[in-house]
Amino acid sequence: MKVFKFGGASIKNADAIRNVADILVKHGSGPIVIVISAIGKTTNTLESIHQQWITSEPYAEGFERLKKDHLQIATEL
């Protein structure tokens, strides 16, 4: 069994995600497990948004930027 884990910089944008697809096509025969974690700096951004929410600071701008970034990647794919 092969295990592949991708996240962060390896899936930071549409080109990087296409590269992951190429890797899986080349090396993904047989039983495989694929783990995909957060895109780019998503985890850090979510932690920041959460901290802002907890401290009653404005967080909408960070949330909208994160949403926009993910929608842009999805559109490109």
N, C-alpha and C. Protein backbone atom coordinates (compact mmCIF):
# COMPACT_ATOMS: atom_id res chain seq x y z
N MET A 1 0.85 -1.18 0.00
CA MET A 1 0.00 0.00 0.00
C MET A 1 0.89 1.24 0.00
N LYS A 2 0.50 2.22 -0.80
CA LYS A 2 1.19 3.50 -0.84
C LYS A 2 0.34 4.54 -0.11
N VAL A 3 1.01 5.42 0.63
CA VAL A 3 0.33 6.50 1.34
C VAL A 3 0.91 7.82 0.82
N PHE A 4 0.02 8.70 0.41
CA PHE A 4 0.41 10.02 -0.07
C PHE A 4 -0.24 11.06 0.82
N LYS A 5 0.54 12.06 1.23
CA LYS A 5 0.01 13.15 2.05
C LYS A 5 0.42 14.46 1.39
N PHE A 6 -0.57 15.30 1.13
CA PHE A 6 -0.32 16.59 0.50
C PHE A 6 -0.99 17.68 1.33
N GLY A 7 -0.34 18.79 1.42
CA GLY A 7 -0.92 19.94 2.12
C GLY A 7 0.02 21.12 2.01
N GLY A 8 -0.43 22.25 2.51
CA GLY A 8 0.40 23.45 2.52
C GLY A 8 0.85 23.86 1.14
N ALA A 9 2.16 24.00 0.98
CA ALA A 9 2.72 24.48 -0.28
C ALA A 9 2.47 23.52 -1.44
N SER A 10 2.34 22.23 -1.15
CA SER A 10 2.15 21.27 -2.24
C SER A 10 0.77 21.36 -2.87
N ILE A 11 -0.15 22.09 -2.24
CA ILE A 11 -1.49 22.31 -2.82
C ILE A 11 -1.90 23.77 -2.69
N LYS A 12 -0.93 24.68 -2.79
CA LYS A 12 -1.18 26.11 -2.52
C LYS A 12 -1.96 26.82 -3.60
N ASN A 13 -2.00 26.26 -4.82
CA ASN A 13 -2.73 26.90 -5.91
C ASN A 13 -3.12 25.85 -6.95
N ALA A 14 -3.79 26.27 -8.01
CA ALA A 14 -4.28 25.32 -9.01
C ALA A 14 -3.15 24.55 -9.66
N ASP A 15 -2.05 25.22 -9.99
CA ASP A 15 -0.92 24.52 -10.61
C ASP A 15 -0.35 23.45 -9.69
N ALA A 16 -0.24 23.76 -8.42
CA ALA A 16 0.28 22.80 -7.46
C ALA A 16 -0.66 21.60 -7.32
N ILE A 17 -1.96 21.84 -7.35
CA ILE A 17 -2.93 20.75 -7.26
C ILE A 17 -2.86 19.88 -8.51
N ARG A 18 -2.69 20.51 -9.67
CA ARG A 18 -2.50 19.73 -10.90
C ARG A 18 -1.25 18.85 -10.80
N ASN A 19 -0.19 19.38 -10.19
CA ASN A 19 1.02 18.60 -9.99
C ASN A 19 0.75 17.38 -9.10
N VAL A 20 -0.04 17.57 -8.06
CA VAL A 20 -0.43 16.45 -7.19
C VAL A 20 -1.16 15.39 -8.01
N ALA A 21 -2.06 15.82 -8.87
CA ALA A 21 -2.78 14.88 -9.73
C ALA A 21 -1.80 14.10 -10.61
N ASP A 22 -0.81 14.80 -11.18
CA ASP A 22 0.19 14.12 -12.01
C ASP A 22 0.98 13.09 -11.20
N ILE A 23 1.35 13.45 -9.99
CA ILE A 23 2.08 12.52 -9.11
C ILE A 23 1.23 11.27 -8.85
N LEU A 24 -0.04 11.47 -8.56
CA LEU A 24 -0.91 10.33 -8.27
C LEU A 24 -1.10 9.45 -9.49
N VAL A 25 -1.20 10.05 -10.67
CA VAL A 25 -1.33 9.26 -11.90
C VAL A 25 -0.08 8.42 -12.13
N LYS A 26 1.10 9.02 -11.89
CA LYS A 26 2.36 8.32 -12.12
C LYS A 26 2.66 7.24 -11.08
N HIS A 27 2.28 7.48 -9.83
CA HIS A 27 2.71 6.61 -8.74
C HIS A 27 1.56 5.97 -7.96
N GLY A 28 0.34 6.20 -8.40
CA GLY A 28 -0.79 5.79 -7.59
C GLY A 28 -1.44 4.47 -7.95
N SER A 29 -0.70 3.58 -8.57
CA SER A 29 -1.33 2.29 -8.90
C SER A 29 -1.38 1.39 -7.66
N GLY A 30 -2.33 0.48 -7.66
CA GLY A 30 -2.49 -0.42 -6.53
C GLY A 30 -3.22 0.25 -5.39
N PRO A 31 -3.26 -0.41 -4.25
CA PRO A 31 -3.94 0.18 -3.09
C PRO A 31 -3.21 1.44 -2.61
N ILE A 32 -3.96 2.52 -2.47
CA ILE A 32 -3.36 3.77 -2.00
C ILE A 32 -4.25 4.45 -0.97
N VAL A 33 -3.61 5.26 -0.16
CA VAL A 33 -4.31 6.15 0.77
C VAL A 33 -3.83 7.56 0.43
N ILE A 34 -4.77 8.48 0.28
CA ILE A 34 -4.42 9.86 -0.03
C ILE A 34 -4.95 10.75 1.08
N VAL A 35 -4.07 11.52 1.68
CA VAL A 35 -4.44 12.46 2.74
C VAL A 35 -4.19 13.86 2.21
N ILE A 36 -5.22 14.68 2.24
CA ILE A 36 -5.11 16.06 1.80
C ILE A 36 -5.42 16.95 3.00
N SER A 37 -4.47 17.82 3.34
CA SER A 37 -4.72 18.75 4.44
C SER A 37 -4.93 20.15 3.86
N ALA A 38 -4.82 21.14 4.67
CA ALA A 38 -5.19 22.51 4.30
C ALA A 38 -4.30 23.10 3.20
N ILE A 39 -4.92 23.88 2.35
CA ILE A 39 -4.25 24.57 1.26
C ILE A 39 -3.42 25.73 1.82
N GLY A 40 -2.18 25.83 1.32
CA GLY A 40 -1.34 26.98 1.66
C GLY A 40 -1.28 27.26 3.16
N LYS A 41 -1.59 28.48 3.53
CA LYS A 41 -1.56 28.91 4.94
C LYS A 41 -2.95 28.90 5.57
N THR A 42 -3.83 28.01 5.10
CA THR A 42 -5.21 27.98 5.58
C THR A 42 -5.30 27.75 7.08
N THR A 43 -4.53 26.81 7.61
CA THR A 43 -4.61 26.53 9.05
C THR A 43 -4.25 27.77 9.86
N ASN A 44 -3.18 28.45 9.48
CA ASN A 44 -2.78 29.66 10.20
C ASN A 44 -3.87 30.73 10.10
N THR A 45 -4.46 30.87 8.92
CA THR A 45 -5.51 31.87 8.73
C THR A 45 -6.73 31.54 9.58
N LEU A 46 -7.12 30.27 9.61
CA LEU A 46 -8.27 29.87 10.44
C LEU A 46 -8.00 30.12 11.92
N GLU A 47 -6.78 29.84 12.36
CA GLU A 47 -6.43 30.10 13.76
C GLU A 47 -6.53 31.60 14.06
N SER A 48 -6.07 32.41 13.12
CA SER A 48 -6.14 33.87 13.30
C SER A 48 -7.58 34.35 13.35
N ILE A 49 -8.40 33.86 12.43
CA ILE A 49 -9.82 34.23 12.41
C ILE A 49 -10.49 33.81 13.71
N HIS A 50 -10.18 32.62 14.19
CA HIS A 50 -10.76 32.13 15.44
C HIS A 50 -10.36 33.01 16.61
N GLN A 51 -9.08 33.37 16.67
CA GLN A 51 -8.59 34.22 17.76
C GLN A 51 -9.27 35.58 17.71
N GLN A 52 -9.45 36.13 16.51
CA GLN A 52 -10.13 37.41 16.38
C GLN A 52 -11.58 37.30 16.86
N TRP A 53 -12.23 36.20 16.52
CA TRP A 53 -13.61 36.00 16.95
C TRP A 53 -13.69 35.91 18.48
N ILE A 54 -12.77 35.15 19.07
CA ILE A 54 -12.77 34.98 20.53
C ILE A 54 -12.60 36.33 21.23
N THR A 55 -11.75 37.18 20.69
CA THR A 55 -11.46 38.47 21.33
C THR A 55 -12.35 39.60 20.81
N SER A 56 -13.40 39.21 20.11
CA SER A 56 -14.38 40.17 19.56
C SER A 56 -13.75 41.20 18.61
N GLU A 57 -12.69 40.79 17.94
CA GLU A 57 -12.08 41.65 16.93
C GLU A 57 -12.74 41.36 15.58
N PRO A 58 -12.67 42.29 14.65
CA PRO A 58 -13.24 42.05 13.33
C PRO A 58 -12.48 40.91 12.62
N TYR A 59 -13.21 39.97 12.09
CA TYR A 59 -12.59 38.82 11.43
C TYR A 59 -13.12 38.61 10.02
N ALA A 60 -14.12 39.38 9.62
CA ALA A 60 -14.77 39.16 8.33
C ALA A 60 -13.80 39.31 7.16
N GLU A 61 -12.88 40.26 7.25
CA GLU A 61 -11.94 40.48 6.14
C GLU A 61 -11.07 39.25 5.91
N GLY A 62 -10.55 38.68 6.96
CA GLY A 62 -9.73 37.47 6.83
C GLY A 62 -10.53 36.30 6.31
N PHE A 63 -11.76 36.17 6.78
CA PHE A 63 -12.63 35.09 6.31
C PHE A 63 -12.93 35.25 4.82
N GLU A 64 -13.26 36.45 4.41
CA GLU A 64 -13.58 36.70 3.00
C GLU A 64 -12.37 36.46 2.10
N ARG A 65 -11.19 36.84 2.56
CA ARG A 65 -9.97 36.61 1.79
C ARG A 65 -9.71 35.10 1.64
N LEU A 66 -9.90 34.36 2.72
CA LEU A 66 -9.72 32.91 2.68
C LEU A 66 -10.72 32.27 1.71
N LYS A 67 -11.97 32.70 1.81
CA LYS A 67 -13.01 32.19 0.91
C LYS A 67 -12.67 32.52 -0.54
N LYS A 68 -12.27 33.75 -0.79
CA LYS A 68 -11.91 34.18 -2.15
C LYS A 68 -10.77 33.35 -2.70
N ASP A 69 -9.75 33.13 -1.89
CA ASP A 69 -8.59 32.33 -2.33
C ASP A 69 -9.01 30.92 -2.73
N HIS A 70 -9.85 30.28 -1.92
CA HIS A 70 -10.30 28.92 -2.22
C HIS A 70 -11.19 28.90 -3.47
N LEU A 71 -12.07 29.87 -3.59
CA LEU A 71 -12.94 29.92 -4.77
C LEU A 71 -12.13 30.18 -6.04
N GLN A 72 -11.08 30.97 -5.93
CA GLN A 72 -10.21 31.24 -7.10
C GLN A 72 -9.53 29.95 -7.55
N ILE A 73 -9.02 29.18 -6.62
CA ILE A 73 -8.39 27.90 -6.96
C ILE A 73 -9.41 26.98 -7.61
N ALA A 74 -10.59 26.89 -7.03
CA ALA A 74 -11.63 26.02 -7.58
C ALA A 74 -12.01 26.45 -8.99
N THR A 75 -12.11 27.74 -9.23
CA THR A 75 -12.44 28.27 -10.55
C THR A 75 -11.35 27.90 -11.56
N GLU A 76 -10.09 28.04 -11.16
CA GLU A 76 -9.00 27.72 -12.06
C GLU A 76 -8.95 26.23 -12.40
N LEU A 77 -9.35 25.40 -11.45
CA LEU A 77 -9.35 23.96 -11.71
C LEU A 77 -10.53 23.56 -12.57
